[in-house]
């Protein structure tokens, strides 16, 4: 989750064109995987 936030911040602040899309995609994918592992926090919604 923290990696996702940092990647999205870097994509907005520093990257251009292809690198921006790549960092944004990395951020979204890592957030999705974090939500998958987040079930250990007491279920999906919590």
ModelCIF file with pLDDT and N, C-alpha, C, O atoms, coordinates in Angstrom:
data_MODEL
#
_entry.id   MODEL 
#
_entity.id                         1 
_entity.type                       polymer 
_entity.pdbx_number_of_molecules   1 
#
_entity_poly.entity_id                      1 
_entity_poly.type                           'polypeptide(L)' 
_entity_poly.nstd_linkage                   no 
_entity_poly.nstd_monomer                   no 
_entity_poly.pdbx_seq_one_letter_code       
;(UNK)(UNK)(UNK)(UNK)(UNK)(UNK)(UNK)(UNK)(UNK)(UNK)(UNK)(UNK)(UNK)(UNK)(UNK)(UNK)
(UNK)(UNK)(UNK)(UNK)(UNK)(UNK)(UNK)(UNK)(UNK)(UNK)(UNK)(UNK)(UNK)(UNK)(UNK)(UNK)
(UNK)(UNK)(UNK)(UNK)(UNK)(UNK)(UNK)(UNK)(UNK)(UNK)(UNK)(UNK)(UNK)(UNK)
;
_entity_poly.pdbx_seq_one_letter_code_can   XXXXXXXXXXXXXXXXXXXXXXXXXXXXXXXXXXXXXXXXXXXXXX 
_entity_poly.pdbx_strand_id                 A 
#
loop_
_entity_poly_seq.entity_id 
_entity_poly_seq.num 
_entity_poly_seq.mon_id 
_entity_poly_seq.hetero 
1 1  UNK n 
1 2  UNK n 
1 3  UNK n 
1 4  UNK n 
1 5  UNK n 
1 6  UNK n 
1 7  UNK n 
1 8  UNK n 
1 9  UNK n 
1 10 UNK n 
1 11 UNK n 
1 12 UNK n 
1 13 UNK n 
1 14 UNK n 
1 15 UNK n 
1 16 UNK n 
1 17 UNK n 
1 18 UNK n 
1 19 UNK n 
1 20 UNK n 
1 21 UNK n 
1 22 UNK n 
1 23 UNK n 
1 24 UNK n 
1 25 UNK n 
1 26 UNK n 
1 27 UNK n 
1 28 UNK n 
1 29 UNK n 
1 30 UNK n 
1 31 UNK n 
1 32 UNK n 
1 33 UNK n 
1 34 UNK n 
1 35 UNK n 
1 36 UNK n 
1 37 UNK n 
1 38 UNK n 
1 39 UNK n 
1 40 UNK n 
1 41 UNK n 
1 42 UNK n 
1 43 UNK n 
1 44 UNK n 
1 45 UNK n 
1 46 UNK n 
#
_struct_asym.id          A 
_struct_asym.entity_id   1 
#
loop_
_ma_qa_metric.id 
_ma_qa_metric.mode 
_ma_qa_metric.name 
_ma_qa_metric.software_group_id 
_ma_qa_metric.type 
1 global pLDDT . pLDDT 
2 local  pLDDT . pLDDT 
#
_ma_qa_metric_global.metric_id      1 
_ma_qa_metric_global.metric_value   91.91 
_ma_qa_metric_global.model_id       1 
_ma_qa_metric_global.ordinal_id     1 
#
loop_
_ma_qa_metric_local.label_asym_id 
_ma_qa_metric_local.label_comp_id 
_ma_qa_metric_local.label_seq_id 
_ma_qa_metric_local.metric_id 
_ma_qa_metric_local.metric_value 
_ma_qa_metric_local.model_id 
_ma_qa_metric_local.ordinal_id 
A UNK 1  2 95.00 1 1  
A UNK 2  2 95.00 1 2  
A UNK 3  2 95.00 1 3  
A UNK 4  2 96.00 1 4  
A UNK 5  2 95.00 1 5  
A UNK 6  2 93.00 1 6  
A UNK 7  2 94.00 1 7  
A UNK 8  2 93.00 1 8  
A UNK 9  2 92.00 1 9  
A UNK 10 2 91.00 1 10 
A UNK 11 2 93.00 1 11 
A UNK 12 2 91.00 1 12 
A UNK 13 2 89.00 1 13 
A UNK 14 2 89.00 1 14 
A UNK 15 2 88.00 1 15 
A UNK 16 2 88.00 1 16 
A UNK 17 2 88.00 1 17 
A UNK 18 2 93.00 1 18 
A UNK 19 2 92.00 1 19 
A UNK 20 2 93.00 1 20 
A UNK 21 2 94.00 1 21 
A UNK 22 2 94.00 1 22 
A UNK 23 2 93.00 1 23 
A UNK 24 2 94.00 1 24 
A UNK 25 2 95.00 1 25 
A UNK 26 2 95.00 1 26 
A UNK 27 2 94.00 1 27 
A UNK 28 2 95.00 1 28 
A UNK 29 2 96.00 1 29 
A UNK 30 2 95.00 1 30 
A UNK 31 2 94.00 1 31 
A UNK 32 2 93.00 1 32 
A UNK 33 2 94.00 1 33 
A UNK 34 2 94.00 1 34 
A UNK 35 2 92.00 1 35 
A UNK 36 2 91.00 1 36 
A UNK 37 2 89.00 1 37 
A UNK 38 2 87.00 1 38 
A UNK 39 2 87.00 1 39 
A UNK 40 2 88.00 1 40 
A UNK 41 2 89.00 1 41 
A UNK 42 2 88.00 1 42 
A UNK 43 2 88.00 1 43 
A UNK 44 2 87.00 1 44 
A UNK 45 2 89.00 1 45 
A UNK 46 2 90.00 1 46 
#
loop_
_atom_site.group_PDB 
_atom_site.id 
_atom_site.type_symbol 
_atom_site.label_atom_id 
_atom_site.label_alt_id 
_atom_site.label_comp_id 
_atom_site.label_asym_id 
_atom_site.label_entity_id 
_atom_site.label_seq_id 
_atom_site.pdbx_PDB_ins_code 
_atom_site.Cartn_x 
_atom_site.Cartn_y 
_atom_site.Cartn_z 
_atom_site.occupancy 
_atom_site.B_iso_or_equiv 
_atom_site.pdbx_formal_charge 
_atom_site.auth_seq_id 
_atom_site.auth_comp_id 
_atom_site.auth_asym_id 
_atom_site.auth_atom_id 
_atom_site.pdbx_PDB_model_num 
ATOM 1   N N  . UNK A 1 1  ? 0.831   -1.204  0.000   1.00 95.00 ? 1  UNK A N  1 
ATOM 2   C CA . UNK A 1 1  ? 0.000   0.000   0.000   1.00 95.00 ? 1  UNK A CA 1 
ATOM 3   C C  . UNK A 1 1  ? 0.866   1.255   0.000   1.00 95.00 ? 1  UNK A C  1 
ATOM 4   O O  . UNK A 1 1  ? 0.592   2.204   -0.735  1.00 95.00 ? 1  UNK A O  1 
ATOM 5   N N  . UNK A 1 2  ? 1.902   1.260   0.818   1.00 95.00 ? 2  UNK A N  1 
ATOM 6   C CA . UNK A 1 2  ? 2.806   2.412   0.858   1.00 95.00 ? 2  UNK A CA 1 
ATOM 7   C C  . UNK A 1 2  ? 3.580   2.524   -0.465  1.00 95.00 ? 2  UNK A C  1 
ATOM 8   O O  . UNK A 1 2  ? 3.789   3.628   -0.968  1.00 95.00 ? 2  UNK A O  1 
ATOM 9   N N  . UNK A 1 3  ? 4.000   1.391   -1.024  1.00 95.00 ? 3  UNK A N  1 
ATOM 10  C CA . UNK A 1 3  ? 4.664   1.390   -2.323  1.00 95.00 ? 3  UNK A CA 1 
ATOM 11  C C  . UNK A 1 3  ? 3.755   1.974   -3.397  1.00 95.00 ? 3  UNK A C  1 
ATOM 12  O O  . UNK A 1 3  ? 4.207   2.718   -4.267  1.00 95.00 ? 3  UNK A O  1 
ATOM 13  N N  . UNK A 1 4  ? 2.490   1.639   -3.329  1.00 96.00 ? 4  UNK A N  1 
ATOM 14  C CA . UNK A 1 4  ? 1.523   2.170   -4.286  1.00 96.00 ? 4  UNK A CA 1 
ATOM 15  C C  . UNK A 1 4  ? 1.427   3.684   -4.175  1.00 96.00 ? 4  UNK A C  1 
ATOM 16  O O  . UNK A 1 4  ? 1.420   4.378   -5.192  1.00 96.00 ? 4  UNK A O  1 
ATOM 17  N N  . UNK A 1 5  ? 1.353   4.200   -2.968  1.00 95.00 ? 5  UNK A N  1 
ATOM 18  C CA . UNK A 1 5  ? 1.251   5.649   -2.781  1.00 95.00 ? 5  UNK A CA 1 
ATOM 19  C C  . UNK A 1 5  ? 2.507   6.355   -3.284  1.00 95.00 ? 5  UNK A C  1 
ATOM 20  O O  . UNK A 1 5  ? 2.415   7.412   -3.908  1.00 95.00 ? 5  UNK A O  1 
ATOM 21  N N  . UNK A 1 6  ? 3.664   5.786   -3.021  1.00 93.00 ? 6  UNK A N  1 
ATOM 22  C CA . UNK A 1 6  ? 4.916   6.401   -3.472  1.00 93.00 ? 6  UNK A CA 1 
ATOM 23  C C  . UNK A 1 6  ? 5.024   6.346   -4.989  1.00 93.00 ? 6  UNK A C  1 
ATOM 24  O O  . UNK A 1 6  ? 5.462   7.316   -5.608  1.00 93.00 ? 6  UNK A O  1 
ATOM 25  N N  . UNK A 1 7  ? 4.635   5.233   -5.597  1.00 94.00 ? 7  UNK A N  1 
ATOM 26  C CA . UNK A 1 7  ? 4.699   5.114   -7.058  1.00 94.00 ? 7  UNK A CA 1 
ATOM 27  C C  . UNK A 1 7  ? 3.747   6.097   -7.734  1.00 94.00 ? 7  UNK A C  1 
ATOM 28  O O  . UNK A 1 7  ? 4.095   6.694   -8.753  1.00 94.00 ? 7  UNK A O  1 
ATOM 29  N N  . UNK A 1 8  ? 2.572   6.268   -7.187  1.00 93.00 ? 8  UNK A N  1 
ATOM 30  C CA . UNK A 1 8  ? 1.629   7.217   -7.770  1.00 93.00 ? 8  UNK A CA 1 
ATOM 31  C C  . UNK A 1 8  ? 2.122   8.648   -7.585  1.00 93.00 ? 8  UNK A C  1 
ATOM 32  O O  . UNK A 1 8  ? 1.973   9.474   -8.486  1.00 93.00 ? 8  UNK A O  1 
ATOM 33  N N  . UNK A 1 9  ? 2.706   8.950   -6.433  1.00 92.00 ? 9  UNK A N  1 
ATOM 34  C CA . UNK A 1 9  ? 3.274   10.280  -6.224  1.00 92.00 ? 9  UNK A CA 1 
ATOM 35  C C  . UNK A 1 9  ? 4.408   10.544  -7.217  1.00 92.00 ? 9  UNK A C  1 
ATOM 36  O O  . UNK A 1 9  ? 4.484   11.626  -7.799  1.00 92.00 ? 9  UNK A O  1 
ATOM 37  N N  . UNK A 1 10 ? 5.281   9.564   -7.410  1.00 91.00 ? 10 UNK A N  1 
ATOM 38  C CA . UNK A 1 10 ? 6.397   9.727   -8.347  1.00 91.00 ? 10 UNK A CA 1 
ATOM 39  C C  . UNK A 1 10 ? 5.894   9.861   -9.784  1.00 91.00 ? 10 UNK A C  1 
ATOM 40  O O  . UNK A 1 10 ? 6.464   10.610  -10.577 1.00 91.00 ? 10 UNK A O  1 
ATOM 41  N N  . UNK A 1 11 ? 4.838   9.143   -10.114 1.00 93.00 ? 11 UNK A N  1 
ATOM 42  C CA . UNK A 1 11 ? 4.330   9.240   -11.484 1.00 93.00 ? 11 UNK A CA 1 
ATOM 43  C C  . UNK A 1 11 ? 3.721   10.609  -11.758 1.00 93.00 ? 11 UNK A C  1 
ATOM 44  O O  . UNK A 1 11 ? 3.833   11.127  -12.869 1.00 93.00 ? 11 UNK A O  1 
ATOM 45  N N  . UNK A 1 12 ? 3.087   11.188  -10.767 1.00 91.00 ? 12 UNK A N  1 
ATOM 46  C CA . UNK A 1 12 ? 2.478   12.504  -10.959 1.00 91.00 ? 12 UNK A CA 1 
ATOM 47  C C  . UNK A 1 12 ? 3.531   13.604  -10.910 1.00 91.00 ? 12 UNK A C  1 
ATOM 48  O O  . UNK A 1 12 ? 3.469   14.558  -11.685 1.00 91.00 ? 12 UNK A O  1 
ATOM 49  N N  . UNK A 1 13 ? 4.484   13.478  -10.019 1.00 89.00 ? 13 UNK A N  1 
ATOM 50  C CA . UNK A 1 13 ? 5.433   14.564  -9.775  1.00 89.00 ? 13 UNK A CA 1 
ATOM 51  C C  . UNK A 1 13 ? 6.619   14.580  -10.746 1.00 89.00 ? 13 UNK A C  1 
ATOM 52  O O  . UNK A 1 13 ? 7.000   15.642  -11.238 1.00 89.00 ? 13 UNK A O  1 
ATOM 53  N N  . UNK A 1 14 ? 7.203   13.409  -11.022 1.00 89.00 ? 14 UNK A N  1 
ATOM 54  C CA . UNK A 1 14 ? 8.483   13.388  -11.716 1.00 89.00 ? 14 UNK A CA 1 
ATOM 55  C C  . UNK A 1 14 ? 8.471   12.758  -13.096 1.00 89.00 ? 14 UNK A C  1 
ATOM 56  O O  . UNK A 1 14 ? 9.261   13.161  -13.950 1.00 89.00 ? 14 UNK A O  1 
ATOM 57  N N  . UNK A 1 15 ? 7.622   11.802  -13.344 1.00 88.00 ? 15 UNK A N  1 
ATOM 58  C CA . UNK A 1 15 ? 7.707   11.029  -14.577 1.00 88.00 ? 15 UNK A CA 1 
ATOM 59  C C  . UNK A 1 15 ? 6.993   11.720  -15.734 1.00 88.00 ? 15 UNK A C  1 
ATOM 60  O O  . UNK A 1 15 ? 6.139   12.586  -15.542 1.00 88.00 ? 15 UNK A O  1 
ATOM 61  N N  . UNK A 1 16 ? 7.371   11.310  -16.932 1.00 88.00 ? 16 UNK A N  1 
ATOM 62  C CA . UNK A 1 16 ? 6.710   11.806  -18.137 1.00 88.00 ? 16 UNK A CA 1 
ATOM 63  C C  . UNK A 1 16 ? 6.403   10.630  -19.050 1.00 88.00 ? 16 UNK A C  1 
ATOM 64  O O  . UNK A 1 16 ? 7.101   9.616   -19.042 1.00 88.00 ? 16 UNK A O  1 
ATOM 65  N N  . UNK A 1 17 ? 5.357   10.782  -19.828 1.00 88.00 ? 17 UNK A N  1 
ATOM 66  C CA . UNK A 1 17 ? 4.934   9.839   -20.873 1.00 88.00 ? 17 UNK A CA 1 
ATOM 67  C C  . UNK A 1 17 ? 4.912   8.382   -20.430 1.00 88.00 ? 17 UNK A C  1 
ATOM 68  O O  . UNK A 1 17 ? 4.111   7.993   -19.581 1.00 88.00 ? 17 UNK A O  1 
ATOM 69  N N  . UNK A 1 18 ? 5.790   7.590   -21.008 1.00 93.00 ? 18 UNK A N  1 
ATOM 70  C CA . UNK A 1 18 ? 5.777   6.147   -20.771 1.00 93.00 ? 18 UNK A CA 1 
ATOM 71  C C  . UNK A 1 18 ? 6.067   5.782   -19.313 1.00 93.00 ? 18 UNK A C  1 
ATOM 72  O O  . UNK A 1 18 ? 5.426   4.899   -18.743 1.00 93.00 ? 18 UNK A O  1 
ATOM 73  N N  . UNK A 1 19 ? 7.021   6.462   -18.735 1.00 92.00 ? 19 UNK A N  1 
ATOM 74  C CA . UNK A 1 19 ? 7.379   6.176   -17.341 1.00 92.00 ? 19 UNK A CA 1 
ATOM 75  C C  . UNK A 1 19 ? 6.222   6.531   -16.404 1.00 92.00 ? 19 UNK A C  1 
ATOM 76  O O  . UNK A 1 19 ? 6.000   5.846   -15.406 1.00 92.00 ? 19 UNK A O  1 
ATOM 77  N N  . UNK A 1 20 ? 5.486   7.598   -16.722 1.00 93.00 ? 20 UNK A N  1 
ATOM 78  C CA . UNK A 1 20 ? 4.331   7.986   -15.909 1.00 93.00 ? 20 UNK A CA 1 
ATOM 79  C C  . UNK A 1 20 ? 3.275   6.885   -15.932 1.00 93.00 ? 20 UNK A C  1 
ATOM 80  O O  . UNK A 1 20 ? 2.741   6.505   -14.890 1.00 93.00 ? 20 UNK A O  1 
ATOM 81  N N  . UNK A 1 21 ? 2.980   6.379   -17.119 1.00 94.00 ? 21 UNK A N  1 
ATOM 82  C CA . UNK A 1 21 ? 2.002   5.293   -17.220 1.00 94.00 ? 21 UNK A CA 1 
ATOM 83  C C  . UNK A 1 21 ? 2.483   4.046   -16.500 1.00 94.00 ? 21 UNK A C  1 
ATOM 84  O O  . UNK A 1 21 ? 1.700   3.366   -15.837 1.00 94.00 ? 21 UNK A O  1 
ATOM 85  N N  . UNK A 1 22 ? 3.775   3.742   -16.628 1.00 94.00 ? 22 UNK A N  1 
ATOM 86  C CA . UNK A 1 22 ? 4.319   2.563   -15.953 1.00 94.00 ? 22 UNK A CA 1 
ATOM 87  C C  . UNK A 1 22 ? 4.254   2.669   -14.437 1.00 94.00 ? 22 UNK A C  1 
ATOM 88  O O  . UNK A 1 22 ? 3.881   1.714   -13.755 1.00 94.00 ? 22 UNK A O  1 
ATOM 89  N N  . UNK A 1 23 ? 4.618   3.833   -13.914 1.00 93.00 ? 23 UNK A N  1 
ATOM 90  C CA . UNK A 1 23 ? 4.565   4.018   -12.462 1.00 93.00 ? 23 UNK A CA 1 
ATOM 91  C C  . UNK A 1 23 ? 3.132   4.019   -11.948 1.00 93.00 ? 23 UNK A C  1 
ATOM 92  O O  . UNK A 1 23 ? 2.854   3.483   -10.875 1.00 93.00 ? 23 UNK A O  1 
ATOM 93  N N  . UNK A 1 24 ? 2.227   4.616   -12.704 1.00 94.00 ? 24 UNK A N  1 
ATOM 94  C CA . UNK A 1 24 ? 0.819   4.602   -12.292 1.00 94.00 ? 24 UNK A CA 1 
ATOM 95  C C  . UNK A 1 24 ? 0.274   3.181   -12.320 1.00 94.00 ? 24 UNK A C  1 
ATOM 96  O O  . UNK A 1 24 ? -0.483  2.783   -11.434 1.00 94.00 ? 24 UNK A O  1 
ATOM 97  N N  . UNK A 1 25 ? 0.657   2.416   -13.337 1.00 95.00 ? 25 UNK A N  1 
ATOM 98  C CA . UNK A 1 25 ? 0.225   1.021   -13.405 1.00 95.00 ? 25 UNK A CA 1 
ATOM 99  C C  . UNK A 1 25 ? 0.811   0.213   -12.259 1.00 95.00 ? 25 UNK A C  1 
ATOM 100 O O  . UNK A 1 25 ? 0.117   -0.614  -11.667 1.00 95.00 ? 25 UNK A O  1 
ATOM 101 N N  . UNK A 1 26 ? 2.088   0.443   -11.938 1.00 95.00 ? 26 UNK A N  1 
ATOM 102 C CA . UNK A 1 26 ? 2.710   -0.238  -10.798 1.00 95.00 ? 26 UNK A CA 1 
ATOM 103 C C  . UNK A 1 26 ? 1.968   0.105   -9.515  1.00 95.00 ? 26 UNK A C  1 
ATOM 104 O O  . UNK A 1 26 ? 1.731   -0.771  -8.683  1.00 95.00 ? 26 UNK A O  1 
ATOM 105 N N  . UNK A 1 27 ? 1.602   1.359   -9.350  1.00 94.00 ? 27 UNK A N  1 
ATOM 106 C CA . UNK A 1 27 ? 0.864   1.783   -8.158  1.00 94.00 ? 27 UNK A CA 1 
ATOM 107 C C  . UNK A 1 27 ? -0.488  1.114   -8.054  1.00 94.00 ? 27 UNK A C  1 
ATOM 108 O O  . UNK A 1 27 ? -0.870  0.648   -6.980  1.00 94.00 ? 27 UNK A O  1 
ATOM 109 N N  . UNK A 1 28 ? -1.214  1.060   -9.152  1.00 95.00 ? 28 UNK A N  1 
ATOM 110 C CA . UNK A 1 28 ? -2.536  0.436   -9.120  1.00 95.00 ? 28 UNK A CA 1 
ATOM 111 C C  . UNK A 1 28 ? -2.458  -1.076  -8.919  1.00 95.00 ? 28 UNK A C  1 
ATOM 112 O O  . UNK A 1 28 ? -3.264  -1.655  -8.191  1.00 95.00 ? 28 UNK A O  1 
ATOM 113 N N  . UNK A 1 29 ? -1.484  -1.707  -9.569  1.00 96.00 ? 29 UNK A N  1 
ATOM 114 C CA . UNK A 1 29 ? -1.330  -3.156  -9.385  1.00 96.00 ? 29 UNK A CA 1 
ATOM 115 C C  . UNK A 1 29 ? -0.916  -3.509  -7.959  1.00 96.00 ? 29 UNK A C  1 
ATOM 116 O O  . UNK A 1 29 ? -1.432  -4.464  -7.378  1.00 96.00 ? 29 UNK A O  1 
ATOM 117 N N  . UNK A 1 30 ? 0.010   -2.742  -7.398  1.00 95.00 ? 30 UNK A N  1 
ATOM 118 C CA . UNK A 1 30 ? 0.427   -3.041  -6.028  1.00 95.00 ? 30 UNK A CA 1 
ATOM 119 C C  . UNK A 1 30 ? -0.704  -2.779  -5.034  1.00 95.00 ? 30 UNK A C  1 
ATOM 120 O O  . UNK A 1 30 ? -0.813  -3.473  -4.023  1.00 95.00 ? 30 UNK A O  1 
ATOM 121 N N  . UNK A 1 31 ? -1.540  -1.791  -5.313  1.00 94.00 ? 31 UNK A N  1 
ATOM 122 C CA . UNK A 1 31 ? -2.690  -1.550  -4.441  1.00 94.00 ? 31 UNK A CA 1 
ATOM 123 C C  . UNK A 1 31 ? -3.694  -2.698  -4.538  1.00 94.00 ? 31 UNK A C  1 
ATOM 124 O O  . UNK A 1 31 ? -4.269  -3.110  -3.531  1.00 94.00 ? 31 UNK A O  1 
ATOM 125 N N  . UNK A 1 32 ? -3.901  -3.209  -5.741  1.00 93.00 ? 32 UNK A N  1 
ATOM 126 C CA . UNK A 1 32 ? -4.791  -4.362  -5.909  1.00 93.00 ? 32 UNK A CA 1 
ATOM 127 C C  . UNK A 1 32 ? -4.282  -5.600  -5.200  1.00 93.00 ? 32 UNK A C  1 
ATOM 128 O O  . UNK A 1 32 ? -5.059  -6.319  -4.572  1.00 93.00 ? 32 UNK A O  1 
ATOM 129 N N  . UNK A 1 33 ? -2.988  -5.855  -5.294  1.00 94.00 ? 33 UNK A N  1 
ATOM 130 C CA . UNK A 1 33 ? -2.412  -7.019  -4.603  1.00 94.00 ? 33 UNK A CA 1 
ATOM 131 C C  . UNK A 1 33 ? -2.467  -6.802  -3.088  1.00 94.00 ? 33 UNK A C  1 
ATOM 132 O O  . UNK A 1 33 ? -2.676  -7.749  -2.329  1.00 94.00 ? 33 UNK A O  1 
ATOM 133 N N  . UNK A 1 34 ? -2.280  -5.560  -2.656  1.00 94.00 ? 34 UNK A N  1 
ATOM 134 C CA . UNK A 1 34 ? -2.379  -5.263  -1.222  1.00 94.00 ? 34 UNK A CA 1 
ATOM 135 C C  . UNK A 1 34 ? -3.781  -5.546  -0.714  1.00 94.00 ? 34 UNK A C  1 
ATOM 136 O O  . UNK A 1 34 ? -3.948  -6.059  0.393   1.00 94.00 ? 34 UNK A O  1 
ATOM 137 N N  . UNK A 1 35 ? -4.798  -5.215  -1.516  1.00 92.00 ? 35 UNK A N  1 
ATOM 138 C CA . UNK A 1 35 ? -6.164  -5.518  -1.105  1.00 92.00 ? 35 UNK A CA 1 
ATOM 139 C C  . UNK A 1 35 ? -6.397  -7.021  -1.032  1.00 92.00 ? 35 UNK A C  1 
ATOM 140 O O  . UNK A 1 35 ? -7.171  -7.486  -0.196  1.00 92.00 ? 35 UNK A O  1 
ATOM 141 N N  . UNK A 1 36 ? -5.739  -7.782  -1.894  1.00 91.00 ? 36 UNK A N  1 
ATOM 142 C CA . UNK A 1 36 ? -5.862  -9.237  -1.843  1.00 91.00 ? 36 UNK A CA 1 
ATOM 143 C C  . UNK A 1 36 ? -5.279  -9.775  -0.537  1.00 91.00 ? 36 UNK A C  1 
ATOM 144 O O  . UNK A 1 36 ? -5.895  -10.615 0.119   1.00 91.00 ? 36 UNK A O  1 
ATOM 145 N N  . UNK A 1 37 ? -4.095  -9.296  -0.161  1.00 89.00 ? 37 UNK A N  1 
ATOM 146 C CA . UNK A 1 37 ? -3.482  -9.745  1.091   1.00 89.00 ? 37 UNK A CA 1 
ATOM 147 C C  . UNK A 1 37 ? -4.139  -9.094  2.305   1.00 89.00 ? 37 UNK A C  1 
ATOM 148 O O  . UNK A 1 37 ? -3.916  -9.533  3.433   1.00 89.00 ? 37 UNK A O  1 
ATOM 149 N N  . UNK A 1 38 ? -4.934  -8.068  2.095   1.00 87.00 ? 38 UNK A N  1 
ATOM 150 C CA . UNK A 1 38 ? -5.593  -7.369  3.201   1.00 87.00 ? 38 UNK A CA 1 
ATOM 151 C C  . UNK A 1 38 ? -6.642  -8.191  3.909   1.00 87.00 ? 38 UNK A C  1 
ATOM 152 O O  . UNK A 1 38 ? -7.143  -7.775  4.954   1.00 87.00 ? 38 UNK A O  1 
ATOM 153 N N  . UNK A 1 39 ? -6.989  -9.344  3.375   1.00 87.00 ? 39 UNK A N  1 
ATOM 154 C CA . UNK A 1 39 ? -7.948  -10.219 4.066   1.00 87.00 ? 39 UNK A CA 1 
ATOM 155 C C  . UNK A 1 39 ? -7.429  -10.651 5.425   1.00 87.00 ? 39 UNK A C  1 
ATOM 156 O O  . UNK A 1 39 ? -8.210  -10.996 6.312   1.00 87.00 ? 39 UNK A O  1 
ATOM 157 N N  . UNK A 1 40 ? -6.105  -10.634 5.594   1.00 88.00 ? 40 UNK A N  1 
ATOM 158 C CA . UNK A 1 40 ? -5.516  -11.004 6.883   1.00 88.00 ? 40 UNK A CA 1 
ATOM 159 C C  . UNK A 1 40 ? -5.805  -9.969  7.958   1.00 88.00 ? 40 UNK A C  1 
ATOM 160 O O  . UNK A 1 40 ? -5.576  -10.226 9.140   1.00 88.00 ? 40 UNK A O  1 
ATOM 161 N N  . UNK A 1 41 ? -6.301  -8.812  7.568   1.00 89.00 ? 41 UNK A N  1 
ATOM 162 C CA . UNK A 1 41 ? -6.621  -7.758  8.539   1.00 89.00 ? 41 UNK A CA 1 
ATOM 163 C C  . UNK A 1 41 ? -8.011  -7.904  9.123   1.00 89.00 ? 41 UNK A C  1 
ATOM 164 O O  . UNK A 1 41 ? -8.504  -6.978  9.766   1.00 89.00 ? 41 UNK A O  1 
ATOM 165 N N  . UNK A 1 42 ? -8.653  -9.034  8.919   1.00 88.00 ? 42 UNK A N  1 
ATOM 166 C CA . UNK A 1 42 ? -9.956  -9.282  9.525   1.00 88.00 ? 42 UNK A CA 1 
ATOM 167 C C  . UNK A 1 42 ? -11.083 -9.436  8.531   1.00 88.00 ? 42 UNK A C  1 
ATOM 168 O O  . UNK A 1 42 ? -12.244 -9.221  8.881   1.00 88.00 ? 42 UNK A O  1 
ATOM 169 N N  . UNK A 1 43 ? -10.777 -9.800  7.316   1.00 88.00 ? 43 UNK A N  1 
ATOM 170 C CA . UNK A 1 43 ? -11.813 -9.941  6.293   1.00 88.00 ? 43 UNK A CA 1 
ATOM 171 C C  . UNK A 1 43 ? -11.602 -8.928  5.186   1.00 88.00 ? 43 UNK A C  1 
ATOM 172 O O  . UNK A 1 43 ? -10.779 -8.021  5.304   1.00 88.00 ? 43 UNK A O  1 
ATOM 173 N N  . UNK A 1 44 ? -12.350 -9.091  4.115   1.00 87.00 ? 44 UNK A N  1 
ATOM 174 C CA . UNK A 1 44 ? -12.119 -8.216  2.961   1.00 87.00 ? 44 UNK A CA 1 
ATOM 175 C C  . UNK A 1 44 ? -12.438 -6.767  3.264   1.00 87.00 ? 44 UNK A C  1 
ATOM 176 O O  . UNK A 1 44 ? -11.598 -5.896  3.038   1.00 87.00 ? 44 UNK A O  1 
ATOM 177 N N  . UNK A 1 45 ? -13.634 -6.484  3.772   1.00 89.00 ? 45 UNK A N  1 
ATOM 178 C CA . UNK A 1 45 ? -14.026 -5.085  3.935   1.00 89.00 ? 45 UNK A CA 1 
ATOM 179 C C  . UNK A 1 45 ? -13.242 -4.369  5.019   1.00 89.00 ? 45 UNK A C  1 
ATOM 180 O O  . UNK A 1 45 ? -12.867 -3.210  4.842   1.00 89.00 ? 45 UNK A O  1 
ATOM 181 N N  . UNK A 1 46 ? -12.988 -5.028  6.127   1.00 90.00 ? 46 UNK A N  1 
ATOM 182 C CA . UNK A 1 46 ? -12.188 -4.356  7.159   1.00 90.00 ? 46 UNK A CA 1 
ATOM 183 C C  . UNK A 1 46 ? -10.755 -4.151  6.673   1.00 90.00 ? 46 UNK A C  1 
ATOM 184 O O  . UNK A 1 46 ? -9.929  -3.601  7.402   1.00 90.00 ? 46 UNK A O  1 
#
